[in-house]
PDB file of N, CA and C in Angstrom:
ATOM      1  N   UNK A   1       0.890  -1.187   0.307  1.00  0.00           N
ATOM      2  CA  UNK A   1      -0.052  -0.007   0.139  1.00  0.00           C
ATOM      3  C   UNK A   1       1.040   1.291   0.017  1.00  0.00           C
ATOM      4  N   UNK A   2       0.664   2.372  -0.773  1.00  0.00           N
ATOM      5  CA  UNK A   2       1.480   3.304  -1.063  1.00  0.00           C
ATOM      6  C   UNK A   2       1.451   4.096   0.218  1.00  0.00           C
ATOM      7  N   UNK A   3       2.497   5.077   0.651  1.00  0.00           N
ATOM      8  CA  UNK A   3       2.142   5.645   1.836  1.00  0.00           C
ATOM      9  C   UNK A   3       1.405   7.241   1.726  1.00  0.00           C
ATOM     10  N   UNK A   4       0.983   7.428   2.663  1.00  0.00           N
ATOM     11  CA  UNK A   4      -0.006   8.501   2.661  1.00  0.00           C
ATOM     12  C   UNK A   4       0.563   9.742   2.934  1.00  0.00           C
ATOM     13  N   UNK A   5       1.450   9.608   3.799  1.00  0.00           N
ATOM     14  CA  UNK A   5       2.256  10.937   4.439  1.00  0.00           C
ATOM     15  C   UNK A   5       3.732  10.676   4.121  1.00  0.00           C
ATOM     16  N   UNK A   6       4.623  11.602   3.681  1.00  0.00           N
ATOM     17  CA  UNK A   6       5.998  11.857   3.631  1.00  0.00           C
ATOM     18  C   UNK A   6       6.697  11.684   4.884  1.00  0.00           C
ATOM     19  N   UNK A   7       7.780  11.664   5.060  1.00  0.00           N
ATOM     20  CA  UNK A   7       8.583  11.596   6.473  1.00  0.00           C
ATOM     21  C   UNK A   7       8.408  13.029   6.884  1.00  0.00           C
ATOM     22  N   UNK A   8       8.330  14.035   6.307  1.00  0.00           N
ATOM     23  CA  UNK A   8       7.872  15.361   6.724  1.00  0.00           C
ATOM     24  C   UNK A   8       6.555  15.831   7.080  1.00  0.00           C
ATOM     25  N   UNK A   9       5.690  14.656   6.918  1.00  0.00           N
ATOM     26  CA  UNK A   9       3.998  14.943   7.137  1.00  0.00           C
ATOM     27  C   UNK A   9       3.605  15.724   5.948  1.00  0.00           C
ATOM     28  N   UNK A  10       4.035  15.678   5.025  1.00  0.00           N
ATOM     29  CA  UNK A  10       3.221  16.129   3.821  1.00  0.00           C
ATOM     30  C   UNK A  10       2.335  14.996   2.968  1.00  0.00           C
ATOM     31  N   UNK A  11       1.289  15.286   2.508  1.00  0.00           N
ATOM     32  CA  UNK A  11       0.301  14.430   2.206  1.00  0.00           C
ATOM     33  C   UNK A  11       0.845  13.700   0.942  1.00  0.00           C
ATOM     34  N   UNK A  12       0.842  12.636   0.404  1.00  0.00           N
ATOM     35  CA  UNK A  12       0.876  11.774  -0.730  1.00  0.00           C
ATOM     36  C   UNK A  12       0.211  11.313  -1.454  1.00  0.00           C
ATOM     37  N   UNK A  13      -0.093  10.754  -2.683  1.00  0.00           N
ATOM     38  CA  UNK A  13      -0.977  10.250  -3.657  1.00  0.00           C
ATOM     39  C   UNK A  13      -0.144   9.198  -4.056  1.00  0.00           C
ATOM     40  N   UNK A  14      -0.484   8.002  -4.141  1.00  0.00           N
ATOM     41  CA  UNK A  14       0.140   7.089  -4.527  1.00  0.00           C
ATOM     42  C   UNK A  14       1.709   6.804  -4.066  1.00  0.00           C
ATOM     43  N   UNK A  15       1.983   7.461  -3.113  1.00  0.00           N
ATOM     44  CA  UNK A  15       3.141   7.467  -2.729  1.00  0.00           C
ATOM     45  C   UNK A  15       3.892   8.546  -3.081  1.00  0.00           C
ATOM     46  N   UNK A  16       3.268   9.280  -4.272  1.00  0.00           N
ATOM     47  CA  UNK A  16       4.167  10.650  -4.694  1.00  0.00           C
ATOM     48  C   UNK A  16       3.541  12.027  -4.172  1.00  0.00           C
ATOM     49  N   UNK A  17       4.695  12.958  -4.045  1.00  0.00           N
ATOM     50  CA  UNK A  17       4.020  14.137  -3.744  1.00  0.00           C
ATOM     51  C   UNK A  17       3.543  15.100  -4.933  1.00  0.00           C
ATOM     52  N   UNK A  18       2.701  15.965  -4.907  1.00  0.00           N
ATOM     53  CA  UNK A  18       2.320  16.823  -5.978  1.00  0.00           C
ATOM     54  C   UNK A  18       3.497  17.108  -7.217  1.00  0.00           C
ATOM     55  N   UNK A  19       4.475  17.594  -6.484  1.00  0.00           N
ATOM     56  CA  UNK A  19       5.557  17.966  -7.176  1.00  0.00           C
ATOM     57  C   UNK A  19       6.097  17.125  -8.146  1.00  0.00           C
ATOM     58  N   UNK A  20       6.219  15.785  -7.711  1.00  0.00           N
ATOM     59  CA  UNK A  20       6.582  14.478  -8.497  1.00  0.00           C
ATOM     60  C   UNK A  20       5.682  13.767  -9.490  1.00  0.00           C
ATOM     61  N   UNK A  21       4.324  14.526  -9.575  1.00  0.00           N
ATOM     62  CA  UNK A  21       3.357  14.162 -10.499  1.00  0.00           C
ATOM     63  C   UNK A  21       3.706  14.046 -12.055  1.00  0.00           C
ATOM     64  N   UNK A  22       3.444  13.030 -12.773  1.00  0.00           N
ATOM     65  CA  UNK A  22       3.547  13.195 -14.050  1.00  0.00           C
ATOM     66  C   UNK A  22       2.265  13.297 -14.451  1.00  0.00           C
ATOM     67  N   UNK A  23       1.977  13.779 -15.954  1.00  0.00           N
ATOM     68  CA  UNK A  23       0.843  13.763 -16.697  1.00  0.00           C
ATOM     69  C   UNK A  23      -0.366  12.615 -16.123  1.00  0.00           C
ATOM     70  N   UNK A  24       0.174  11.464 -16.440  1.00  0.00           N
ATOM     71  CA  UNK A  24      -0.692  10.558 -16.243  1.00  0.00           C
ATOM     72  C   UNK A  24      -1.170  10.504 -14.736  1.00  0.00           C
ATOM     73  N   UNK A  25      -0.344  10.861 -13.942  1.00  0.00           N
ATOM     74  CA  UNK A  25      -0.578  10.976 -12.528  1.00  0.00           C
ATOM     75  C   UNK A  25      -1.787  11.889 -12.174  1.00  0.00           C
ATOM     76  N   UNK A  26      -1.672  13.137 -13.014  1.00  0.00           N
ATOM     77  CA  UNK A  26      -2.681  14.069 -12.628  1.00  0.00           C
ATOM     78  C   UNK A  26      -3.929  13.686 -13.086  1.00  0.00           C
ATOM     79  N   UNK A  27      -4.032  13.008 -14.209  1.00  0.00           N
ATOM     80  CA  UNK A  27      -5.310  12.597 -14.846  1.00  0.00           C
ATOM     81  C   UNK A  27      -5.905  11.243 -13.967  1.00  0.00           C
ATOM     82  N   UNK A  28      -5.298  10.791 -13.554  1.00  0.00           N
ATOM     83  CA  UNK A  28      -5.605   9.613 -12.371  1.00  0.00           C
ATOM     84  C   UNK A  28      -6.209   9.919 -11.223  1.00  0.00           C
ATOM     85  N   UNK A  29      -5.322  11.130 -10.581  1.00  0.00           N
ATOM     86  CA  UNK A  29      -5.831  11.944  -9.600  1.00  0.00           C
ATOM     87  C   UNK A  29      -7.126  12.569  -9.699  1.00  0.00           C
ATOM     88  N   UNK A  30      -7.213  13.304 -10.792  1.00  0.00           N
ATOM     89  CA  UNK A  30      -8.447  13.826 -11.201  1.00  0.00           C
ATOM     90  C   UNK A  30      -9.485  13.166 -11.255  1.00  0.00           C
ATOM     91  N   UNK A  31      -9.226  11.968 -11.989  1.00  0.00           N
ATOM     92  CA  UNK A  31     -10.674  10.683 -12.096  1.00  0.00           C
ATOM     93  C   UNK A  31     -10.828  10.486 -10.497  1.00  0.00           C
ATOM     94  N   UNK A  32     -10.117  10.020  -9.914  1.00  0.00           N
ATOM     95  CA  UNK A  32     -10.154   9.696  -8.544  1.00  0.00           C
ATOM     96  C   UNK A  32     -11.082  10.561  -7.878  1.00  0.00           C
ATOM     97  N   UNK A  33     -10.625  11.870  -7.742  1.00  0.00           N
ATOM     98  CA  UNK A  33     -11.620  13.092  -7.143  1.00  0.00           C
ATOM     99  C   UNK A  33     -12.456  12.884  -7.444  1.00  0.00           C
ATOM    100  N   UNK A  34     -12.944  12.891  -8.953  1.00  0.00           N
ATOM    101  CA  UNK A  34     -14.118  12.874  -9.590  1.00  0.00           C
ATOM    102  C   UNK A  34     -15.280  12.180  -8.937  1.00  0.00           C
ATOM    103  N   UNK A  35     -14.663  10.820  -8.832  1.00  0.00           N
ATOM    104  CA  UNK A  35     -15.440   9.767  -8.160  1.00  0.00           C
ATOM    105  C   UNK A  35     -15.974   9.959  -6.866  1.00  0.00           C
ATOM    106  N   UNK A  36     -14.999  10.269  -6.137  1.00  0.00           N
ATOM    107  CA  UNK A  36     -15.465  10.631  -4.577  1.00  0.00           C
ATOM    108  C   UNK A  36     -16.322  11.951  -4.535  1.00  0.00           C
ATOM    109  N   UNK A  37     -16.218  12.859  -5.605  1.00  0.00           N
ATOM    110  CA  UNK A  37     -17.238  13.696  -5.692  1.00  0.00           C
ATOM    111  C   UNK A  37     -18.672  13.462  -6.136  1.00  0.00           C
ATOM    112  N   UNK A  38     -18.627  12.579  -6.998  1.00  0.00           N
ATOM    113  CA  UNK A  38     -20.060  12.104  -7.194  1.00  0.00           C
ATOM    114  C   UNK A  38     -20.596  10.939  -6.685  1.00  0.00           C
ATOM    115  N   UNK A  39     -19.866  10.317  -5.756  1.00  0.00           N
ATOM    116  CA  UNK A  39     -20.074   9.738  -4.578  1.00  0.00           C
ATOM    117  C   UNK A  39     -20.921  10.399  -3.638  1.00  0.00           C
ATOM    118  N   UNK A  40     -20.404  11.218  -3.274  1.00  0.00           N
ATOM    119  CA  UNK A  40     -20.777  12.507  -2.009  1.00  0.00           C
ATOM    120  C   UNK A  40     -22.021  12.891  -2.309  1.00  0.00           C
ATOM    121  N   UNK A  41     -22.197  13.399  -4.033  1.00  0.00           N
ATOM    122  CA  UNK A  41     -23.491  14.020  -4.485  1.00  0.00           C
ATOM    123  C   UNK A  41     -24.442  12.861  -4.348  1.00  0.00           C
ATOM    124  N   UNK A  42     -24.182  11.756  -4.566  1.00  0.00           N
ATOM    125  CA  UNK A  42     -25.151  10.703  -4.744  1.00  0.00           C
ATOM    126  C   UNK A  42     -25.531  10.273  -3.229  1.00  0.00           C
ATOM    127  N   UNK A  43     -24.925  10.534  -2.466  1.00  0.00           N
ATOM    128  CA  UNK A  43     -25.235  10.212  -0.729  1.00  0.00           C
ATOM    129  C   UNK A  43     -25.842  11.444  -0.293  1.00  0.00           C
ATOM    130  N   UNK A  44     -26.225  12.712  -1.157  1.00  0.00           N
ATOM    131  CA  UNK A  44     -26.897  13.741  -0.391  1.00  0.00           C
ATOM    132  C   UNK A  44     -26.201  15.003  -0.183  1.00  0.00           C
ATOM    133  N   UNK A  45     -24.629  14.738  -0.647  1.00  0.00           N
ATOM    134  CA  UNK A  45     -23.852  15.753  -0.372  1.00  0.00           C
ATOM    135  C   UNK A  45     -23.250  15.937   1.093  1.00  0.00           C
ATOM    136  N   UNK A  46     -22.264  16.399   1.729  1.00  0.00           N
ATOM    137  CA  UNK A  46     -21.738  16.848   2.680  1.00  0.00           C
ATOM    138  C   UNK A  46     -22.865  17.358   3.705  1.00  0.00           C
ATOM    139  N   UNK A  47     -23.462  18.711   3.256  1.00  0.00           N
ATOM    140  CA  UNK A  47     -24.306  19.278   4.027  1.00  0.00           C
ATOM    141  C   UNK A  47     -25.570  18.801   3.885  1.00  0.00           C
ATOM    142  N   UNK A  48     -26.122  17.902   3.333  1.00  0.00           N
ATOM    143  CA  UNK A  48     -27.220  17.269   3.748  1.00  0.00           C
ATOM    144  C   UNK A  48     -27.147  15.777   4.333  1.00  0.00           C
ATOM    145  N   UNK A  49     -26.018  15.296   4.482  1.00  0.00           N
ATOM    146  CA  UNK A  49     -25.799  14.251   5.108  1.00  0.00           C
ATOM    147  C   UNK A  49     -26.022  14.176   6.934  1.00  0.00           C
ATOM    148  N   UNK A  50     -26.867  13.313   6.962  1.00  0.00           N
ATOM    149  CA  UNK A  50     -27.247  13.432   8.485  1.00  0.00           C
ATOM    150  C   UNK A  50     -26.007  12.513   9.344  1.00  0.00           C
ATOM    151  N   UNK A  51     -25.924  12.716  10.554  1.00  0.00           N
ATOM    152  CA  UNK A  51     -24.967  12.184  11.554  1.00  0.00           C
ATOM    153  C   UNK A  51     -25.566  10.987  11.626  1.00  0.00           C
ATOM    154  N   UNK A  52     -24.646   9.785  12.259  1.00  0.00           N
ATOM    155  CA  UNK A  52     -25.361   8.713  12.505  1.00  0.00           C
ATOM    156  C   UNK A  52     -26.406   8.859  13.725  1.00  0.00           C
ATOM    157  N   UNK A  53     -25.832   9.764  14.715  1.00  0.00           N
ATOM    158  CA  UNK A  53     -26.549   9.879  15.842  1.00  0.00           C
ATOM    159  C   UNK A  53     -27.862  10.447  15.656  1.00  0.00           C
ATOM    160  N   UNK A  54     -27.839  11.493  14.725  1.00  0.00           N
ATOM    161  CA  UNK A  54     -29.284  12.093  13.990  1.00  0.00           C
ATOM    162  C   UNK A  54     -30.474  10.918  13.468  1.00  0.00           C
ATOM    163  N   UNK A  55     -29.561  10.347  12.755  1.00  0.00           N
ATOM    164  CA  UNK A  55     -30.479   8.971  12.070  1.00  0.00           C
ATOM    165  C   UNK A  55     -30.760   8.039  13.244  1.00  0.00           C
ATOM    166  N   UNK A  56     -29.781   7.573  14.179  1.00  0.00           N
ATOM    167  CA  UNK A  56     -30.597   7.011  15.206  1.00  0.00           C
ATOM    168  C   UNK A  56     -31.642   7.609  16.174  1.00  0.00           C
ATOM    169  N   UNK A  57     -31.772   8.959  16.473  1.00  0.00           N
ATOM    170  CA  UNK A  57     -32.769   9.542  17.299  1.00  0.00           C
ATOM    171  C   UNK A  57     -33.840   9.651  16.319  1.00  0.00           C
ATOM    172  N   UNK A  58     -33.763   9.648  14.971  1.00  0.00           N
ATOM    173  CA  UNK A  58     -35.100   9.652  14.263  1.00  0.00           C
ATOM    174  C   UNK A  58     -35.844   8.527  14.265  1.00  0.00           C
ATOM    175  N   UNK A  59     -34.631   7.273  14.458  1.00  0.00           N
ATOM    176  CA  UNK A  59     -35.366   6.181  14.144  1.00  0.00           C
ATOM    177  C   UNK A  59     -36.102   5.702  15.543  1.00  0.00           C
ATOM    178  N   UNK A  60     -35.276   5.932  16.581  1.00  0.00           N
ATOM    179  CA  UNK A  60     -35.922   5.782  18.136  1.00  0.00           C
ATOM    180  C   UNK A  60     -37.252   6.657  18.059  1.00  0.00           C
ATOM    181  N   UNK A  61     -37.226   7.678  17.540  1.00  0.00           N
ATOM    182  CA  UNK A  61     -38.745   8.580  17.467  1.00  0.00           C
ATOM    183  C   UNK A  61     -39.681   7.995  16.946  1.00  0.00           C
ATOM    184  N   UNK A  62     -39.349   7.453  15.535  1.00  0.00           N
ATOM    185  CA  UNK A  62     -40.386   6.424  14.484  1.00  0.00           C
ATOM    186  C   UNK A  62     -40.856   5.241  15.223  1.00  0.00           C
ATOM    187  N   UNK A  63     -40.051   4.513  16.027  1.00  0.00           N
ATOM    188  CA  UNK A  63     -40.209   3.211  16.522  1.00  0.00           C
ATOM    189  C   UNK A  63     -41.162   3.577  17.923  1.00  0.00           C
ATOM    190  N   UNK A  64     -41.164   4.697  18.554  1.00  0.00           N
ATOM    191  CA  UNK A  64     -41.936   5.028  19.428  1.00  0.00           C
ATOM    192  C   UNK A  64     -43.255   5.282  19.451  1.00  0.00           C
ATOM    193  N   UNK A  65     -43.445   6.075  18.253  1.00  0.00           N
ATOM    194  CA  UNK A  65     -44.472   6.252  17.675  1.00  0.00           C
ATOM    195  C   UNK A  65     -45.505   4.916  17.193  1.00  0.00           C
ATOM    196  N   UNK A  66     -44.820   4.355  16.347  1.00  0.00           N
ATOM    197  CA  UNK A  66     -45.245   3.271  16.042  1.00  0.00           C
ATOM    198  C   UNK A  66     -45.730   2.315  17.057  1.00  0.00           C
ATOM    199  N   UNK A  67     -44.830   1.793  18.085  1.00  0.00           N
ATOM    200  CA  UNK A  67     -45.210   1.180  19.223  1.00  0.00           C
ATOM    201  C   UNK A  67     -46.366   1.889  19.982  1.00  0.00           C
ATOM    202  N   UNK A  68     -46.426   2.978  20.078  1.00  0.00           N
ATOM    203  CA  UNK A  68     -47.688   3.778  21.074  1.00  0.00           C
ATOM    204  C   UNK A  68     -49.028   3.409  20.276  1.00  0.00           C
ATOM    205  N   UNK A  69     -48.757   3.314  19.095  1.00  0.00           N
ATOM    206  CA  UNK A  69     -50.200   3.059  18.133  1.00  0.00           C
ATOM    207  C   UNK A  69     -50.545   1.640  18.295  1.00  0.00           C
ATOM    208  N   UNK A  70     -49.557   0.938  18.735  1.00  0.00           N
ATOM    209  CA  UNK A  70     -50.197  -0.877  19.006  1.00  0.00           C
ATOM    210  C   UNK A  70     -51.077  -0.984  20.026  1.00  0.00           C
ATOM    211  N   UNK A  71     -51.912  -1.951  20.110  1.00  0.00           N
ATOM    212  CA  UNK A  71     -52.951  -2.099  20.980  1.00  0.00           C
ATOM    213  C   UNK A  71     -51.968  -2.964  21.926  1.00  0.00           C
ATOM    214  N   UNK A  72     -52.049  -3.239  23.286  1.00  0.00           N
ATOM    215  CA  UNK A  72     -51.433  -3.591  24.473  1.00  0.00           C
ATOM    216  C   UNK A  72     -51.867  -5.136  24.042  1.00  0.00           C
ATOM    217  N   UNK A  73     -51.255  -6.288  24.319  1.00  0.00           N
ATOM    218  CA  UNK A  73     -51.310  -7.354  24.004  1.00  0.00           C
ATOM    219  C   UNK A  73     -52.633  -7.838  25.602  1.00  0.00           C
ATOM    220  N   UNK A  74     -53.345  -8.631  25.037  1.00  0.00           N
ATOM    221  CA  UNK A  74     -54.405  -9.139  25.817  1.00  0.00           C
ATOM    222  C   UNK A  74     -53.769 -10.024  26.635  1.00  0.00           C
ATOM    223  N   UNK A  75     -54.294 -10.276  28.158  1.00  0.00           N
ATOM    224  CA  UNK A  75     -53.609 -11.192  29.222  1.00  0.00           C
ATOM    225  C   UNK A  75     -54.524 -12.450  28.828  1.00  0.00           C
ATOM    226  N   UNK A  76     -54.168 -13.412  28.705  1.00  0.00           N
ATOM    227  CA  UNK A  76     -55.078 -14.505  28.786  1.00  0.00           C
ATOM    228  C   UNK A  76     -54.002 -15.744  28.618  1.00  0.00           C
ATOM    229  N   UNK A  77     -54.654 -17.015  28.366  1.00  0.00           N
ATOM    230  CA  UNK A  77     -54.035 -18.443  28.298  1.00  0.00           C
ATOM    231  C   UNK A  77     -52.863 -18.320  27.185  1.00  0.00           C
ATOM    232  N   UNK A  78     -52.514 -17.522  26.305  1.00  0.00           N
ATOM    233  CA  UNK A  78     -51.122 -17.519  25.767  1.00  0.00           C
ATOM    234  C   UNK A  78     -50.345 -16.733  26.464  1.00  0.00           C
ATOM    235  N   UNK A  79     -50.568 -15.722  26.969  1.00  0.00           N
ATOM    236  CA  UNK A  79     -49.691 -14.935  27.558  1.00  0.00           C
ATOM    237  C   UNK A  79     -49.466 -15.108  29.084  1.00  0.00           C
ATOM    238  N   UNK A  80     -48.562 -16.122  29.505  1.00  0.00           N
ATOM    239  CA  UNK A  80     -48.289 -16.550  30.586  1.00  0.00           C
ATOM    240  C   UNK A  80     -46.850 -16.002  31.155  1.00  0.00           C
ATOM    241  N   UNK A  81     -46.759 -15.392  32.328  1.00  0.00           N
ATOM    242  CA  UNK A  81     -45.716 -14.558  32.909  1.00  0.00           C
ATOM    243  C   UNK A  81     -45.097 -15.721  33.858  1.00  0.00           C
ATOM    244  N   UNK A  82     -45.724 -16.780  34.429  1.00  0.00           N
ATOM    245  CA  UNK A  82     -45.052 -17.653  35.385  1.00  0.00           C
ATOM    246  C   UNK A  82     -44.067 -18.501  35.033  1.00  0.00           C
ATOM    247  N   UNK A  83     -43.580 -18.701  33.642  1.00  0.00           N
ATOM    248  CA  UNK A  83     -42.784 -19.510  33.329  1.00  0.00           C
ATOM    249  C   UNK A  83     -41.375 -19.470  33.470  1.00  0.00           C
TER     250      UNK A  83
END
Protein backbone atom coordinates (compact mmCIF):
# COMPACT_ATOMS: atom_id res chain seq x y z
CA UNK A 1 0.00 0.00 0.00
CA UNK A 2 1.44 3.39 -0.92
CA UNK A 3 2.32 5.78 1.85
CA UNK A 4 -0.16 8.56 2.53
CA UNK A 5 2.27 10.95 4.18
CA UNK A 6 5.93 11.63 3.63
CA UNK A 7 8.53 11.65 6.42
CA UNK A 8 8.02 15.40 6.81
CA UNK A 9 4.22 15.05 7.11
CA UNK A 10 3.30 16.19 3.60
CA UNK A 11 0.35 14.43 1.98
CA UNK A 12 1.18 11.87 -0.71
CA UNK A 13 -0.96 10.28 -3.42
CA UNK A 14 0.13 6.81 -4.52
CA UNK A 15 3.42 7.46 -2.76
CA UNK A 16 4.15 10.69 -4.67
CA UNK A 17 4.13 14.32 -3.65
CA UNK A 18 2.28 16.71 -6.01
CA UNK A 19 5.62 18.03 -7.29
CA UNK A 20 6.53 14.52 -8.51
CA UNK A 21 3.31 13.94 -10.49
CA UNK A 22 3.54 13.06 -14.15
CA UNK A 23 0.78 13.98 -16.57
CA UNK A 24 -0.71 10.49 -16.17
CA UNK A 25 -0.67 10.87 -12.37
CA UNK A 26 -2.55 14.15 -12.65
CA UNK A 27 -5.27 12.55 -14.79
CA UNK A 28 -5.57 9.58 -12.42
CA UNK A 29 -5.81 11.92 -9.44
CA UNK A 30 -8.47 14.01 -11.18
CA UNK A 31 -10.50 10.90 -12.07
CA UNK A 32 -10.29 9.58 -8.51
CA UNK A 33 -11.32 12.97 -7.12
CA UNK A 34 -14.27 13.12 -9.54
CA UNK A 35 -15.39 9.66 -8.37
CA UNK A 36 -15.29 10.78 -4.74
CA UNK A 37 -17.26 13.94 -5.50
CA UNK A 38 -19.90 12.02 -7.48
CA UNK A 39 -20.27 9.50 -4.66
CA UNK A 40 -20.71 12.33 -2.17
CA UNK A 41 -23.32 13.93 -4.43
CA UNK A 42 -25.21 10.63 -4.72
CA UNK A 43 -25.22 10.30 -0.95
CA UNK A 44 -26.82 13.71 -0.53
CA UNK A 45 -23.75 15.88 -0.22
CA UNK A 46 -21.85 16.75 2.89
CA UNK A 47 -24.28 19.47 3.95
CA UNK A 48 -27.36 17.27 3.60
CA UNK A 49 -25.86 14.13 5.11
CA UNK A 50 -27.13 13.32 8.57
CA UNK A 51 -24.88 12.15 11.30
CA UNK A 52 -25.32 8.66 12.65
CA UNK A 53 -26.58 10.10 15.93
CA UNK A 54 -29.30 12.06 14.10
CA UNK A 55 -30.37 8.97 12.17
CA UNK A 56 -30.54 6.90 15.36
CA UNK A 57 -32.58 9.59 17.13
CA UNK A 58 -35.05 9.72 14.24
CA UNK A 59 -35.30 5.92 14.24
CA UNK A 60 -36.00 5.84 17.98
CA UNK A 61 -38.68 8.51 17.61
CA UNK A 62 -40.35 6.65 14.74
CA UNK A 63 -40.25 3.34 16.67
CA UNK A 64 -41.79 5.04 19.71
CA UNK A 65 -44.63 6.44 17.56
CA UNK A 66 -45.29 3.05 15.96
CA UNK A 67 -45.18 1.22 19.30
CA UNK A 68 -47.55 3.74 20.88
CA UNK A 69 -50.07 3.10 18.10
CA UNK A 70 -50.09 -0.67 18.73
CA UNK A 71 -52.73 -2.15 21.00
CA UNK A 72 -51.47 -3.77 24.18
CA UNK A 73 -51.48 -7.56 24.09
CA UNK A 74 -54.39 -9.20 25.88
CA UNK A 75 -53.56 -11.20 28.97
CA UNK A 76 -54.92 -14.66 28.70
CA UNK A 77 -54.08 -18.27 28.26
CA UNK A 78 -51.34 -17.58 25.66
CA UNK A 79 -49.58 -14.84 27.62
CA UNK A 80 -48.32 -16.44 30.82
CA UNK A 81 -45.73 -14.67 32.93
CA UNK A 82 -45.12 -17.54 35.38
CA UNK A 83 -42.83 -19.57 33.12
